[in-house]
PDB file of N, CA and C in Angstrom:
ATOM      1  N   MET A   1      -8.516  -0.072 -12.323  1.00  0.00           N
ATOM      2  CA  MET A   1      -7.513  -1.309 -12.364  1.00  0.00           C
ATOM      3  C   MET A   1      -7.737  -3.346 -11.533  1.00  0.00           C
ATOM      4  N   ASP A   2      -6.765  -3.648 -11.887  1.00  0.00           N
ATOM      5  CA  ASP A   2      -6.775  -5.077 -11.103  1.00  0.00           C
ATOM      6  C   ASP A   2      -5.743  -4.838 -10.338  1.00  0.00           C
ATOM      7  N   TRP A   3      -6.340  -4.028  -9.154  1.00  0.00           N
ATOM      8  CA  TRP A   3      -4.674  -5.016  -7.977  1.00  0.00           C
ATOM      9  C   TRP A   3      -4.327  -5.870  -8.480  1.00  0.00           C
ATOM     10  N   ARG A   4      -4.860  -7.022  -8.764  1.00  0.00           N
ATOM     11  CA  ARG A   4      -4.478  -8.492  -8.009  1.00  0.00           C
ATOM     12  C   ARG A   4      -3.461  -9.000  -9.456  1.00  0.00           C
ATOM     13  N   GLU A   5      -3.139  -7.999 -10.352  1.00  0.00           N
ATOM     14  CA  GLU A   5      -1.800  -8.434 -11.555  1.00  0.00           C
ATOM     15  C   GLU A   5      -0.454  -7.694 -10.623  1.00  0.00           C
ATOM     16  N   TYR A   6      -1.225  -6.868  -9.998  1.00  0.00           N
ATOM     17  CA  TYR A   6       0.878  -6.148  -9.662  1.00  0.00           C
ATOM     18  C   TYR A   6       0.681  -6.805  -8.074  1.00  0.00           C
ATOM     19  N   ILE A   7       0.089  -7.178  -7.294  1.00  0.00           N
ATOM     20  CA  ILE A   7      -0.029  -7.385  -4.916  1.00  0.00           C
ATOM     21  C   ILE A   7       0.248  -9.237  -5.125  1.00  0.00           C
ATOM     22  N   HIS A   8       0.208  -9.433  -4.579  1.00  0.00           N
ATOM     23  CA  HIS A   8       0.243 -10.845  -3.753  1.00  0.00           C
ATOM     24  C   HIS A   8       0.656 -10.587  -2.434  1.00  0.00           C
ATOM     25  N   SER A   9       0.591 -12.245  -2.268  1.00  0.00           N
ATOM     26  CA  SER A   9       0.284 -12.424  -0.459  1.00  0.00           C
ATOM     27  C   SER A   9       1.119 -14.060  -0.813  1.00  0.00           C
ATOM     28  N   ASP A  10       2.739 -14.113  -0.207  1.00  0.00           N
ATOM     29  CA  ASP A  10       2.893 -15.339  -0.086  1.00  0.00           C
ATOM     30  C   ASP A  10       3.767 -15.805   0.779  1.00  0.00           C
ATOM     31  N   SER A  11       3.026 -16.724   1.929  1.00  0.00           N
ATOM     32  CA  SER A  11       4.125 -16.787   3.337  1.00  0.00           C
ATOM     33  C   SER A  11       5.129 -17.075   3.663  1.00  0.00           C
ATOM     34  N   LYS A  12       6.298 -17.046   2.180  1.00  0.00           N
ATOM     35  CA  LYS A  12       7.967 -17.040   2.534  1.00  0.00           C
ATOM     36  C   LYS A  12       8.475 -15.791   2.552  1.00  0.00           C
ATOM     37  N   ILE A  13       8.041 -14.396   1.670  1.00  0.00           N
ATOM     38  CA  ILE A  13       8.120 -13.190   1.913  1.00  0.00           C
ATOM     39  C   ILE A  13       7.189 -12.709   2.697  1.00  0.00           C
ATOM     40  N   LEU A  14       7.684 -11.569   3.643  1.00  0.00           N
ATOM     41  CA  LEU A  14       7.731 -11.133   4.364  1.00  0.00           C
ATOM     42  C   LEU A  14       6.074 -11.413   5.529  1.00  0.00           C
ATOM     43  N   VAL A  15       6.367 -12.423   5.739  1.00  0.00           N
ATOM     44  CA  VAL A  15       5.537 -13.005   6.700  1.00  0.00           C
ATOM     45  C   VAL A  15       4.034 -13.122   5.950  1.00  0.00           C
ATOM     46  N   GLY A  16       4.070 -12.917   5.035  1.00  0.00           N
ATOM     47  CA  GLY A  16       2.531 -13.123   3.676  1.00  0.00           C
ATOM     48  C   GLY A  16       1.913 -11.576   4.029  1.00  0.00           C
ATOM     49  N   LYS A  17       2.525 -10.494   4.210  1.00  0.00           N
ATOM     50  CA  LYS A  17       2.365  -9.565   4.106  1.00  0.00           C
ATOM     51  C   LYS A  17       1.984  -8.944   2.779  1.00  0.00           C
ATOM     52  N   PRO A  18       1.080  -8.463   1.914  1.00  0.00           N
ATOM     53  CA  PRO A  18       0.978  -7.781   0.970  1.00  0.00           C
ATOM     54  C   PRO A  18       1.842  -7.406  -0.176  1.00  0.00           C
ATOM     55  N   VAL A  19       2.228  -8.028  -1.040  1.00  0.00           N
ATOM     56  CA  VAL A  19       3.973  -7.195  -0.772  1.00  0.00           C
ATOM     57  C   VAL A  19       3.163  -6.922  -3.377  1.00  0.00           C
ATOM     58  N   VAL A  20       4.125  -5.791  -3.297  1.00  0.00           N
ATOM     59  CA  VAL A  20       4.699  -5.840  -5.221  1.00  0.00           C
ATOM     60  C   VAL A  20       5.065  -7.280  -5.782  1.00  0.00           C
ATOM     61  N   LYS A  21       4.155  -7.529  -6.574  1.00  0.00           N
ATOM     62  CA  LYS A  21       4.931  -8.845  -7.094  1.00  0.00           C
ATOM     63  C   LYS A  21       6.404  -8.791  -7.864  1.00  0.00           C
ATOM     64  N   GLY A  22       6.836  -9.586  -7.206  1.00  0.00           N
ATOM     65  CA  GLY A  22       8.499  -9.868  -7.452  1.00  0.00           C
ATOM     66  C   GLY A  22       9.327  -8.675  -6.975  1.00  0.00           C
ATOM     67  N   THR A  23       8.644  -7.824  -5.743  1.00  0.00           N
ATOM     68  CA  THR A  23       9.521  -7.428  -5.183  1.00  0.00           C
ATOM     69  C   THR A  23       9.335  -8.484  -3.582  1.00  0.00           C
ATOM     70  N   ARG A  24      10.787  -7.414  -2.751  1.00  0.00           N
ATOM     71  CA  ARG A  24       9.821  -7.454  -1.568  1.00  0.00           C
ATOM     72  C   ARG A  24       9.175  -6.208  -0.187  1.00  0.00           C
ATOM     73  N   LEU A  25       8.748  -5.516  -1.163  1.00  0.00           N
ATOM     74  CA  LEU A  25       8.281  -4.310  -0.729  1.00  0.00           C
ATOM     75  C   LEU A  25       6.459  -4.050  -0.769  1.00  0.00           C
ATOM     76  N   SER A  26       6.826  -4.309   0.313  1.00  0.00           N
ATOM     77  CA  SER A  26       4.783  -4.427   1.041  1.00  0.00           C
ATOM     78  C   SER A  26       4.056  -3.262   1.323  1.00  0.00           C
ATOM     79  N   VAL A  27       2.832  -3.443   0.725  1.00  0.00           N
ATOM     80  CA  VAL A  27       2.079  -2.391   0.413  1.00  0.00           C
ATOM     81  C   VAL A  27       2.279  -1.142   1.989  1.00  0.00           C
ATOM     82  N   GLU A  28       1.999  -1.766   3.166  1.00  0.00           N
ATOM     83  CA  GLU A  28       2.427  -1.372   4.079  1.00  0.00           C
ATOM     84  C   GLU A  28       3.864  -0.423   4.363  1.00  0.00           C
ATOM     85  N   PHE A  29       4.684  -0.838   3.705  1.00  0.00           N
ATOM     86  CA  PHE A  29       5.608  -0.072   3.616  1.00  0.00           C
ATOM     87  C   PHE A  29       5.823   1.136   2.649  1.00  0.00           C
ATOM     88  N   LEU A  30       5.312   1.056   1.039  1.00  0.00           N
ATOM     89  CA  LEU A  30       4.883   1.628   0.741  1.00  0.00           C
ATOM     90  C   LEU A  30       4.225   2.865   0.836  1.00  0.00           C
ATOM     91  N   LEU A  31       3.078   3.018   1.540  1.00  0.00           N
ATOM     92  CA  LEU A  31       1.962   3.513   1.615  1.00  0.00           C
ATOM     93  C   LEU A  31       2.453   5.150   2.746  1.00  0.00           C
ATOM     94  N   GLY A  32       3.280   4.048   3.896  1.00  0.00           N
ATOM     95  CA  GLY A  32       3.962   4.787   4.892  1.00  0.00           C
ATOM     96  C   GLY A  32       4.671   5.708   4.261  1.00  0.00           C
ATOM     97  N   LEU A  33       5.973   5.505   2.571  1.00  0.00           N
ATOM     98  CA  LEU A  33       6.600   6.211   2.824  1.00  0.00           C
ATOM     99  C   LEU A  33       5.780   7.350   2.159  1.00  0.00           C
ATOM    100  N   PHE A  34       4.489   7.263   1.264  1.00  0.00           N
ATOM    101  CA  PHE A  34       3.226   8.403   0.831  1.00  0.00           C
ATOM    102  C   PHE A  34       3.419   9.058   2.617  1.00  0.00           C
ATOM    103  N   ALA A  35       2.876   8.726   3.840  1.00  0.00           N
ATOM    104  CA  ALA A  35       2.628   9.100   4.923  1.00  0.00           C
ATOM    105  C   ALA A  35       3.196  10.334   4.863  1.00  0.00           C
ATOM    106  N   VAL A  36       4.367   9.806   4.962  1.00  0.00           N
ATOM    107  CA  VAL A  36       5.067  10.415   5.464  1.00  0.00           C
ATOM    108  C   VAL A  36       5.835  11.904   4.750  1.00  0.00           C
ATOM    109  N   GLY A  37       4.831  11.922   3.273  1.00  0.00           N
ATOM    110  CA  GLY A  37       5.603  13.536   2.475  1.00  0.00           C
ATOM    111  C   GLY A  37       6.227  12.689   0.897  1.00  0.00           C
ATOM    112  N   TRP A  38       6.840  11.114   0.917  1.00  0.00           N
ATOM    113  CA  TRP A  38       7.484  10.979  -0.400  1.00  0.00           C
ATOM    114  C   TRP A  38       6.851  11.241  -1.280  1.00  0.00           C
ATOM    115  N   THR A  39       7.136  11.838  -2.307  1.00  0.00           N
ATOM    116  CA  THR A  39       6.347  11.831  -3.943  1.00  0.00           C
ATOM    117  C   THR A  39       6.500  10.824  -4.216  1.00  0.00           C
ATOM    118  N   GLU A  40       5.609  10.631  -5.409  1.00  0.00           N
ATOM    119  CA  GLU A  40       5.486   9.390  -6.720  1.00  0.00           C
ATOM    120  C   GLU A  40       7.495   9.417  -6.591  1.00  0.00           C
ATOM    121  N   GLU A  41       7.496  10.531  -7.858  1.00  0.00           N
ATOM    122  CA  GLU A  41       9.078  10.634  -8.496  1.00  0.00           C
ATOM    123  C   GLU A  41      10.026  10.199  -6.936  1.00  0.00           C
ATOM    124  N   GLN A  42       9.668  10.243  -5.899  1.00  0.00           N
ATOM    125  CA  GLN A  42      11.071   9.781  -4.964  1.00  0.00           C
ATOM    126  C   GLN A  42      10.794   8.000  -5.239  1.00  0.00           C
ATOM    127  N   VAL A  43       9.531   7.939  -4.392  1.00  0.00           N
ATOM    128  CA  VAL A  43       9.323   6.292  -4.970  1.00  0.00           C
ATOM    129  C   VAL A  43      10.065   5.432  -5.644  1.00  0.00           C
ATOM    130  N   LEU A  44       9.465   5.924  -6.915  1.00  0.00           N
ATOM    131  CA  LEU A  44      10.243   4.888  -8.264  1.00  0.00           C
ATOM    132  C   LEU A  44      11.964   5.387  -8.368  1.00  0.00           C
ATOM    133  N   ASP A  45      12.595   7.486  -8.637  1.00  0.00           N
ATOM    134  CA  ASP A  45      13.497   6.835  -7.966  1.00  0.00           C
ATOM    135  C   ASP A  45      14.394   6.535  -7.204  1.00  0.00           C
ATOM    136  N   ASN A  46      13.781   5.411  -6.306  1.00  0.00           N
ATOM    137  CA  ASN A  46      14.243   4.711  -4.953  1.00  0.00           C
ATOM    138  C   ASN A  46      14.299   3.046  -5.232  1.00  0.00           C
ATOM    139  N   TYR A  47      13.361   3.005  -6.213  1.00  0.00           N
ATOM    140  CA  TYR A  47      12.817   1.687  -6.185  1.00  0.00           C
ATOM    141  C   TYR A  47      12.840   1.266  -7.751  1.00  0.00           C
ATOM    142  N   PRO A  48      13.512   1.268  -8.105  1.00  0.00           N
ATOM    143  CA  PRO A  48      13.526   1.335  -9.771  1.00  0.00           C
ATOM    144  C   PRO A  48      13.208   0.256 -10.194  1.00  0.00           C
ATOM    145  N   SER A  49      12.743  -1.158  -9.310  1.00  0.00           N
ATOM    146  CA  SER A  49      11.711  -2.056 -10.205  1.00  0.00           C
ATOM    147  C   SER A  49      10.293  -2.133  -9.740  1.00  0.00           C
ATOM    148  N   LEU A  50       9.808  -0.785  -9.604  1.00  0.00           N
ATOM    149  CA  LEU A  50       8.583  -0.616  -9.371  1.00  0.00           C
ATOM    150  C   LEU A  50       7.877   0.015 -10.511  1.00  0.00           C
ATOM    151  N   THR A  51       6.878   0.345 -10.653  1.00  0.00           N
ATOM    152  CA  THR A  51       6.637   0.891 -12.373  1.00  0.00           C
ATOM    153  C   THR A  51       5.209   1.579 -11.283  1.00  0.00           C
ATOM    154  N   PRO A  52       4.651   2.950 -12.035  1.00  0.00           N
ATOM    155  CA  PRO A  52       3.855   3.936 -12.023  1.00  0.00           C
ATOM    156  C   PRO A  52       2.376   2.596 -11.723  1.00  0.00           C
ATOM    157  N   GLU A  53       2.319   1.435 -12.459  1.00  0.00           N
ATOM    158  CA  GLU A  53       1.455   0.871 -12.378  1.00  0.00           C
ATOM    159  C   GLU A  53       1.279   0.145 -10.910  1.00  0.00           C
ATOM    160  N   ALA A  54       2.741  -0.273 -10.939  1.00  0.00           N
ATOM    161  CA  ALA A  54       2.615  -0.956  -9.291  1.00  0.00           C
ATOM    162  C   ALA A  54       2.078  -0.049  -8.488  1.00  0.00           C
ATOM    163  N   LEU A  55       2.570   1.446  -8.185  1.00  0.00           N
ATOM    164  CA  LEU A  55       2.293   2.000  -7.331  1.00  0.00           C
ATOM    165  C   LEU A  55       0.669   2.165  -6.917  1.00  0.00           C
ATOM    166  N   ARG A  56      -0.499   2.366  -8.934  1.00  0.00           N
ATOM    167  CA  ARG A  56      -1.245   2.856  -8.699  1.00  0.00           C
ATOM    168  C   ARG A  56      -1.997   1.348  -7.821  1.00  0.00           C
ATOM    169  N   ALA A  57      -1.483   0.419  -7.696  1.00  0.00           N
ATOM    170  CA  ALA A  57      -2.250  -0.731  -7.404  1.00  0.00           C
ATOM    171  C   ALA A  57      -2.158  -0.597  -5.952  1.00  0.00           C
ATOM    172  N   VAL A  58      -1.419  -0.673  -5.558  1.00  0.00           N
ATOM    173  CA  VAL A  58      -0.606  -0.099  -4.186  1.00  0.00           C
ATOM    174  C   VAL A  58      -1.998   1.045  -3.822  1.00  0.00           C
ATOM    175  N   PHE A  59      -2.637   1.947  -4.014  1.00  0.00           N
ATOM    176  CA  PHE A  59      -3.336   2.435  -4.056  1.00  0.00           C
ATOM    177  C   PHE A  59      -4.906   1.979  -4.090  1.00  0.00           C
ATOM    178  N   ALA A  60      -5.525   0.759  -5.125  1.00  0.00           N
ATOM    179  CA  ALA A  60      -6.487   0.601  -5.620  1.00  0.00           C
ATOM    180  C   ALA A  60      -6.859  -0.821  -4.057  1.00  0.00           C
ATOM    181  N   PHE A  61      -5.949  -1.685  -4.491  1.00  0.00           N
ATOM    182  CA  PHE A  61      -5.591  -2.721  -3.056  1.00  0.00           C
ATOM    183  C   PHE A  61      -5.371  -2.057  -1.733  1.00  0.00           C
ATOM    184  N   ALA A  62      -5.661  -0.588  -0.971  1.00  0.00           N
ATOM    185  CA  ALA A  62      -5.942   0.050   0.089  1.00  0.00           C
ATOM    186  C   ALA A  62      -7.213   0.382   0.026  1.00  0.00           C
ATOM    187  N   ALA A  63      -7.261   0.492  -0.449  1.00  0.00           N
ATOM    188  CA  ALA A  63      -8.787   1.126  -1.607  1.00  0.00           C
ATOM    189  C   ALA A  63      -9.768   0.489  -0.848  1.00  0.00           C
ATOM    190  N   GLU A  64      -9.674  -0.731  -2.007  1.00  0.00           N
ATOM    191  CA  GLU A  64     -10.835  -1.556  -1.558  1.00  0.00           C
ATOM    192  C   GLU A  64     -10.895  -2.493  -0.034  1.00  0.00           C
ATOM    193  N   CYS A  65      -9.373  -2.300   0.353  1.00  0.00           N
ATOM    194  CA  CYS A  65      -9.424  -3.031   1.532  1.00  0.00           C
ATOM    195  C   CYS A  65     -10.332  -1.804   2.686  1.00  0.00           C
ATOM    196  N   MET A  66     -10.321  -0.356   2.346  1.00  0.00           N
ATOM    197  CA  MET A  66     -11.160   0.158   3.636  1.00  0.00           C
ATOM    198  C   MET A  66     -12.809   0.146   3.018  1.00  0.00           C
ATOM    199  N   ARG A  67     -12.792  -0.173   1.654  1.00  0.00           N
ATOM    200  CA  ARG A  67     -14.531  -0.198   1.412  1.00  0.00           C
ATOM    201  C   ARG A  67     -14.728  -1.736   2.265  1.00  0.00           C
ATOM    202  N   GLU A  68     -14.432  -2.724   2.297  1.00  0.00           N
ATOM    203  CA  GLU A  68     -14.640  -3.596   2.643  1.00  0.00           C
ATOM    204  C   GLU A  68     -14.527  -4.513   4.050  1.00  0.00           C
ATOM    205  N   GLN A  69     -13.702  -3.342   4.880  1.00  0.00           N
ATOM    206  CA  GLN A  69     -12.888  -3.536   6.174  1.00  0.00           C
ATOM    207  C   GLN A  69     -13.534  -2.047   7.028  1.00  0.00           C
ATOM    208  N   SER A  70     -13.775  -2.246   8.360  1.00  0.00           N
ATOM    209  CA  SER A  70     -13.596  -1.296   9.248  1.00  0.00           C
ATOM    210  C   SER A  70     -13.099  -1.287  10.197  1.00  0.00           C
ATOM    211  N   PHE A  71     -11.627  -0.771   9.966  1.00  0.00           N
ATOM    212  CA  PHE A  71     -10.454  -1.694  10.786  1.00  0.00           C
ATOM    213  C   PHE A  71     -10.488  -0.282  11.972  1.00  0.00           C
ATOM    214  N   PHE A  72     -11.032   1.066  11.611  1.00  0.00           N
ATOM    215  CA  PHE A  72     -10.360   1.712  12.743  1.00  0.00           C
ATOM    216  C   PHE A  72     -11.534   2.537  12.789  1.00  0.00           C
ATOM    217  N   THR A  73     -12.148   3.442  13.921  1.00  0.00           N
ATOM    218  CA  THR A  73     -13.412   4.170  13.934  1.00  0.00           C
ATOM    219  C   THR A  73     -12.938   5.536  14.836  1.00  0.00           C
ATOM    220  N   ILE A  74     -12.879   6.161  13.898  1.00  0.00           N
ATOM    221  CA  ILE A  74     -12.427   7.722  14.417  1.00  0.00           C
ATOM    222  C   ILE A  74     -13.158   8.406  15.471  1.00  0.00           C
ATOM    223  N   PRO A  75     -12.994   9.079  16.492  1.00  0.00           N
ATOM    224  CA  PRO A  75     -13.501   9.619  16.853  1.00  0.00           C
ATOM    225  C   PRO A  75     -14.154  11.803  16.595  1.00  0.00           C
ATOM    226  N   LEU A  76     -15.397  11.083  17.662  1.00  0.00           N
ATOM    227  CA  LEU A  76     -16.239  12.563  16.839  1.00  0.00           C
ATOM    228  C   LEU A  76     -15.082  13.565  17.374  1.00  0.00           C
ATOM    229  N   MET A  77     -15.794  14.571  16.727  1.00  0.00           N
ATOM    230  CA  MET A  77     -14.959  15.943  17.326  1.00  0.00           C
ATOM    231  C   MET A  77     -15.161  16.337  18.457  1.00  0.00           C
ATOM    232  N   ALA A  78     -16.369  16.206  18.899  1.00  0.00           N
ATOM    233  CA  ALA A  78     -16.662  16.738  20.796  1.00  0.00           C
ATOM    234  C   ALA A  78     -15.923  15.255  20.859  1.00  0.00           C
ATOM    235  N   GLU A  79     -16.075  14.036  20.905  1.00  0.00           N
ATOM    236  CA  GLU A  79     -15.277  13.019  21.870  1.00  0.00           C
ATOM    237  C   GLU A  79     -13.996  13.208  21.561  1.00  0.00           C
ATOM    238  N   ALA A  80     -12.956  14.239  21.174  1.00  0.00           N
ATOM    239  CA  ALA A  80     -11.446  14.002  20.194  1.00  0.00           C
ATOM    240  C   ALA A  80     -11.168  15.064  21.700  1.00  0.00           C
ATOM    241  N   GLY A  81     -12.000  16.387  21.798  1.00  0.00           N
ATOM    242  CA  GLY A  81     -11.147  17.014  22.686  1.00  0.00           C
ATOM    243  C   GLY A  81     -11.707  16.984  24.445  1.00  0.00           C
TER     244      GLY A  81
END
């Protein structure tokens, strides 16, 4: 999947955060919905301008970002406790 067909960034929309094209729905916002337990069906029902392909693009974009960047260092179990 080429997420570039669905995700873009424009400094005039949400201060340049990556959004689904044609919407003001940021990748961050949509991932947050899934993080708190929303299902794909709930997201699509509540945001009818989204398509299943656009949601897959959100995940493809996030996966590529994680491959290319090291944003977080997750502590080892011994260090966490």
